[in-house]
Amino acid sequence: MRAAFETWAQKDGHIVRRREDKPEEYLVFETQRRWVIWQAALEHGKTPGGRKTAAQKEAAALEKAKAAVQRPPAINSDEAAVRNQVLNEVLDAFSTLGGERGMDDILKVVQGLKKKQQEQAEERVAAAEPVRHNA
């Protein structure tokens, strides 16, 4: 177990020389601290290699940054048409207002759009209902 730790520590750039007066301890405090952490991790079933070095942390941050810069997923034409329609409705609603009252104007636009949406939903329900004739 100690040989595996020393191999890992050397790869990570730590000095693994042991003290002459106490051969079970390492000369460098940071190496000794990592040895204690290594032992505790093994006792609890965690792999000590799971901890990342500074270079690994930088590589992970670079990958995360690359993922954030990627283009958003492409949308199909139906979704694009709906988004454009909604955007145009909102822009039309705001253009009819003077724009001096701030939040009052925004609330008025939102209420108007909700009312318009509700009317359209009622029209769809009325069109979908079958006509019944009593004979």
C-alpha atoms as a PDB file:
ATOM      1  CA  MET A   1       0.000   0.000   0.000  1.00  0.00           C
ATOM      2  CA  ARG A   2       2.821   2.410   0.816  1.00  0.00           C
ATOM      3  CA  ALA A   3       4.571   1.633  -2.491  1.00  0.00           C
ATOM      4  CA  ALA A   4       1.394   2.504  -4.399  1.00  0.00           C
ATOM      5  CA  PHE A   5       1.099   5.754  -2.460  1.00  0.00           C
ATOM      6  CA  GLU A   6       4.734   6.687  -3.110  1.00  0.00           C
ATOM      7  CA  THR A   7       4.347   5.984  -6.839  1.00  0.00           C
ATOM      8  CA  TRP A   8       1.232   8.147  -6.950  1.00  0.00           C
ATOM      9  CA  ALA A   9       2.857  10.925  -4.891  1.00  0.00           C
ATOM     10  CA  GLN A  10       5.934  11.014  -7.136  1.00  0.00           C
ATOM     11  CA  LYS A  11       3.744  11.279 -10.226  1.00  0.00           C
ATOM     12  CA  ASP A  12       1.926  14.151  -8.520  1.00  0.00           C
ATOM     13  CA  GLY A  13       5.262  15.895  -7.866  1.00  0.00           C
ATOM     14  CA  HIS A  14       5.702  15.286  -4.132  1.00  0.00           C
ATOM     15  CA  ILE A  15       8.937  14.408  -2.362  1.00  0.00           C
ATOM     16  CA  VAL A  16       8.606  10.947  -0.838  1.00  0.00           C
ATOM     17  CA  ARG A  17      11.755  10.811   1.317  1.00  0.00           C
ATOM     18  CA  ARG A  18      11.161   9.427   4.794  1.00  0.00           C
ATOM     19  CA  ARG A  19      12.500  10.738   8.081  1.00  0.00           C
ATOM     20  CA  GLU A  20      15.597   8.992   9.398  1.00  0.00           C
ATOM     21  CA  ASP A  21      14.479   9.089  13.026  1.00  0.00           C
ATOM     22  CA  LYS A  22      10.908   7.963  12.212  1.00  0.00           C
ATOM     23  CA  PRO A  23      10.860   5.899   8.993  1.00  0.00           C
ATOM     24  CA  GLU A  24       7.058   5.565   9.073  1.00  0.00           C
ATOM     25  CA  GLU A  25       6.748   9.343   8.505  1.00  0.00           C
ATOM     26  CA  TYR A  26       7.683  11.426   5.491  1.00  0.00           C
ATOM     27  CA  LEU A  27      10.196  14.256   5.614  1.00  0.00           C
ATOM     28  CA  VAL A  28       7.917  16.762   3.890  1.00  0.00           C
ATOM     29  CA  PHE A  29       4.773  17.721   5.813  1.00  0.00           C
ATOM     30  CA  GLU A  30       2.553  17.856   2.694  1.00  0.00           C
ATOM     31  CA  THR A  31       3.549  14.306   1.723  1.00  0.00           C
ATOM     32  CA  GLN A  32       2.831  13.110   5.276  1.00  0.00           C
ATOM     33  CA  ARG A  33      -0.543  14.834   5.189  1.00  0.00           C
ATOM     34  CA  ARG A  34      -1.417  13.164   1.885  1.00  0.00           C
ATOM     35  CA  TRP A  35      -0.313   9.790   3.270  1.00  0.00           C
ATOM     36  CA  VAL A  36      -2.731  10.172   6.165  1.00  0.00           C
ATOM     37  CA  ILE A  37      -5.495  11.202   3.745  1.00  0.00           C
ATOM     38  CA  TRP A  38      -4.620   8.220   1.519  1.00  0.00           C
ATOM     39  CA  GLN A  39      -4.992   5.826   4.442  1.00  0.00           C
ATOM     40  CA  ALA A  40      -8.279   7.367   5.559  1.00  0.00           C
ATOM     41  CA  ALA A  41      -9.621   7.172   2.014  1.00  0.00           C
ATOM     42  CA  LEU A  42      -8.737   3.494   1.757  1.00  0.00           C
ATOM     43  CA  GLU A  43     -10.434   2.805   5.056  1.00  0.00           C
ATOM     44  CA  HIS A  44     -13.620   4.412   3.805  1.00  0.00           C
ATOM     45  CA  GLY A  45     -13.499   2.742   0.402  1.00  0.00           C
ATOM     46  CA  LYS A  46     -12.662   5.785  -1.678  1.00  0.00           C
ATOM     47  CA  THR A  47      -9.883   5.765  -4.226  1.00  0.00           C
ATOM     48  CA  PRO A  48      -7.187   8.309  -3.403  1.00  0.00           C
ATOM     49  CA  GLY A  49      -6.516   8.751  -7.110  1.00  0.00           C
ATOM     50  CA  GLY A  50      -9.943  10.387  -7.302  1.00  0.00           C
ATOM     51  CA  ARG A  51      -8.432  13.619  -6.025  1.00  0.00           C
ATOM     52  CA  LYS A  52      -7.234  15.890  -8.771  1.00  0.00           C
ATOM     53  CA  THR A  53      -3.897  17.586  -9.228  1.00  0.00           C
ATOM     54  CA  ALA A  54      -3.697  21.240 -10.203  1.00  0.00           C
ATOM     55  CA  ALA A  55      -3.078  20.268 -13.842  1.00  0.00           C
ATOM     56  CA  GLN A  56      -6.113  17.978 -13.816  1.00  0.00           C
ATOM     57  CA  LYS A  57      -8.241  20.742 -12.282  1.00  0.00           C
ATOM     58  CA  GLU A  58      -7.122  23.165 -15.004  1.00  0.00           C
ATOM     59  CA  ALA A  59      -7.909  20.614 -17.717  1.00  0.00           C
ATOM     60  CA  ALA A  60     -11.374  20.033 -16.225  1.00  0.00           C
ATOM     61  CA  ALA A  61     -12.003  23.793 -16.059  1.00  0.00           C
ATOM     62  CA  LEU A  62     -10.896  24.144 -19.696  1.00  0.00           C
ATOM     63  CA  GLU A  63     -13.284  21.367 -20.765  1.00  0.00           C
ATOM     64  CA  LYS A  64     -16.094  23.034 -18.830  1.00  0.00           C
ATOM     65  CA  ALA A  65     -15.347  26.367 -20.500  1.00  0.00           C
ATOM     66  CA  LYS A  66     -15.341  24.724 -23.930  1.00  0.00           C
ATOM     67  CA  ALA A  67     -18.707  23.135 -23.192  1.00  0.00           C
ATOM     68  CA  ALA A  68     -20.138  26.506 -22.161  1.00  0.00           C
ATOM     69  CA  VAL A  69     -18.960  28.134 -25.396  1.00  0.00           C
ATOM     70  CA  GLN A  70     -20.556  25.510 -27.643  1.00  0.00           C
ATOM     71  CA  ARG A  71     -23.448  26.590 -29.812  1.00  0.00           C
ATOM     72  CA  PRO A  72     -26.947  25.990 -28.505  1.00  0.00           C
ATOM     73  CA  PRO A  73     -28.779  23.042 -30.042  1.00  0.00           C
ATOM     74  CA  ALA A  74     -30.449  23.739 -33.346  1.00  0.00           C
ATOM     75  CA  ILE A  75     -34.220  24.168 -33.240  1.00  0.00           C
ATOM     76  CA  ASN A  76     -36.586  22.922 -35.889  1.00  0.00           C
ATOM     77  CA  SER A  77     -38.543  25.260 -38.124  1.00  0.00           C
ATOM     78  CA  ASP A  78     -41.846  24.822 -36.209  1.00  0.00           C
ATOM     79  CA  GLU A  79     -40.271  25.940 -32.939  1.00  0.00           C
ATOM     80  CA  ALA A  80     -38.546  28.831 -34.694  1.00  0.00           C
ATOM     81  CA  ALA A  81     -41.827  29.963 -36.236  1.00  0.00           C
ATOM     82  CA  VAL A  82     -43.588  29.885 -32.852  1.00  0.00           C
ATOM     83  CA  ARG A  83     -40.753  31.803 -31.196  1.00  0.00           C
ATOM     84  CA  ASN A  84     -40.802  34.437 -33.926  1.00  0.00           C
ATOM     85  CA  GLN A  85     -44.571  34.774 -33.662  1.00  0.00           C
ATOM     86  CA  VAL A  86     -44.419  35.241 -29.889  1.00  0.00           C
ATOM     87  CA  LEU A  87     -41.553  37.715 -30.202  1.00  0.00           C
ATOM     88  CA  ASN A  88     -43.447  39.724 -32.802  1.00  0.00           C
ATOM     89  CA  GLU A  89     -46.576  39.777 -30.621  1.00  0.00           C
ATOM     90  CA  VAL A  90     -44.586  41.049 -27.644  1.00  0.00           C
ATOM     91  CA  LEU A  91     -42.809  43.683 -29.730  1.00  0.00           C
ATOM     92  CA  ASP A  92     -46.134  44.838 -31.210  1.00  0.00           C
ATOM     93  CA  ALA A  93     -47.676  45.060 -27.740  1.00  0.00           C
ATOM     94  CA  PHE A  94     -44.787  47.167 -26.444  1.00  0.00           C
ATOM     95  CA  SER A  95     -44.752  49.415 -29.500  1.00  0.00           C
ATOM     96  CA  THR A  96     -48.375  50.411 -28.888  1.00  0.00           C
ATOM     97  CA  LEU A  97     -47.452  51.767 -25.455  1.00  0.00           C
ATOM     98  CA  GLY A  98     -45.791  55.076 -24.778  1.00  0.00           C
ATOM     99  CA  GLY A  99     -43.214  53.484 -22.495  1.00  0.00           C
ATOM    100  CA  GLU A 100     -43.128  56.198 -19.822  1.00  0.00           C
ATOM    101  CA  ARG A 101     -44.563  54.158 -16.964  1.00  0.00           C
ATOM    102  CA  GLY A 102     -42.090  51.257 -16.826  1.00  0.00           C
ATOM    103  CA  MET A 103     -43.500  48.336 -14.842  1.00  0.00           C
ATOM    104  CA  ASP A 104     -47.099  49.409 -15.414  1.00  0.00           C
ATOM    105  CA  ASP A 105     -46.515  49.093 -19.153  1.00  0.00           C
ATOM    106  CA  ILE A 106     -44.947  45.673 -18.746  1.00  0.00           C
ATOM    107  CA  LEU A 107     -47.849  44.432 -16.616  1.00  0.00           C
ATOM    108  CA  LYS A 108     -50.324  45.814 -19.140  1.00  0.00           C
ATOM    109  CA  VAL A 109     -48.567  43.956 -21.975  1.00  0.00           C
ATOM    110  CA  VAL A 110     -48.433  40.699 -20.018  1.00  0.00           C
ATOM    111  CA  GLN A 111     -52.114  40.928 -19.092  1.00  0.00           C
ATOM    112  CA  GLY A 112     -53.017  41.714 -22.699  1.00  0.00           C
ATOM    113  CA  LEU A 113     -51.059  38.728 -23.975  1.00  0.00           C
ATOM    114  CA  LYS A 114     -52.641  36.440 -21.368  1.00  0.00           C
ATOM    115  CA  LYS A 115     -56.100  37.657 -22.374  1.00  0.00           C
ATOM    116  CA  LYS A 116     -55.320  37.102 -26.049  1.00  0.00           C
ATOM    117  CA  GLN A 117     -53.986  33.602 -25.316  1.00  0.00           C
ATOM    118  CA  GLN A 118     -57.080  32.750 -23.273  1.00  0.00           C
ATOM    119  CA  GLU A 119     -59.372  33.934 -26.095  1.00  0.00           C
ATOM    120  CA  GLN A 120     -57.480  31.786 -28.603  1.00  0.00           C
ATOM    121  CA  ALA A 121     -57.763  28.749 -26.294  1.00  0.00           C
ATOM    122  CA  GLU A 122     -61.518  29.307 -25.934  1.00  0.00           C
ATOM    123  CA  GLU A 123     -61.862  29.556 -29.722  1.00  0.00           C
ATOM    124  CA  ARG A 124     -60.015  26.249 -30.148  1.00  0.00           C
ATOM    125  CA  VAL A 125     -62.252  24.543 -27.578  1.00  0.00           C
ATOM    126  CA  ALA A 126     -65.386  25.916 -29.238  1.00  0.00           C
ATOM    127  CA  ALA A 127     -64.194  24.761 -32.661  1.00  0.00           C
ATOM    128  CA  ALA A 128     -63.381  21.293 -31.352  1.00  0.00           C
ATOM    129  CA  GLU A 129     -66.797  20.721 -29.765  1.00  0.00           C
ATOM    130  CA  PRO A 130     -69.174  18.772 -32.012  1.00  0.00           C
ATOM    131  CA  VAL A 131     -72.458  20.383 -32.922  1.00  0.00           C
ATOM    132  CA  ARG A 132     -75.397  18.465 -31.466  1.00  0.00           C
ATOM    133  CA  HIS A 133     -78.788  18.514 -33.048  1.00  0.00           C
ATOM    134  CA  ASN A 134     -81.837  17.441 -31.072  1.00  0.00           C
ATOM    135  CA  ALA A 135     -84.220  15.640 -33.290  1.00  0.00           C
END
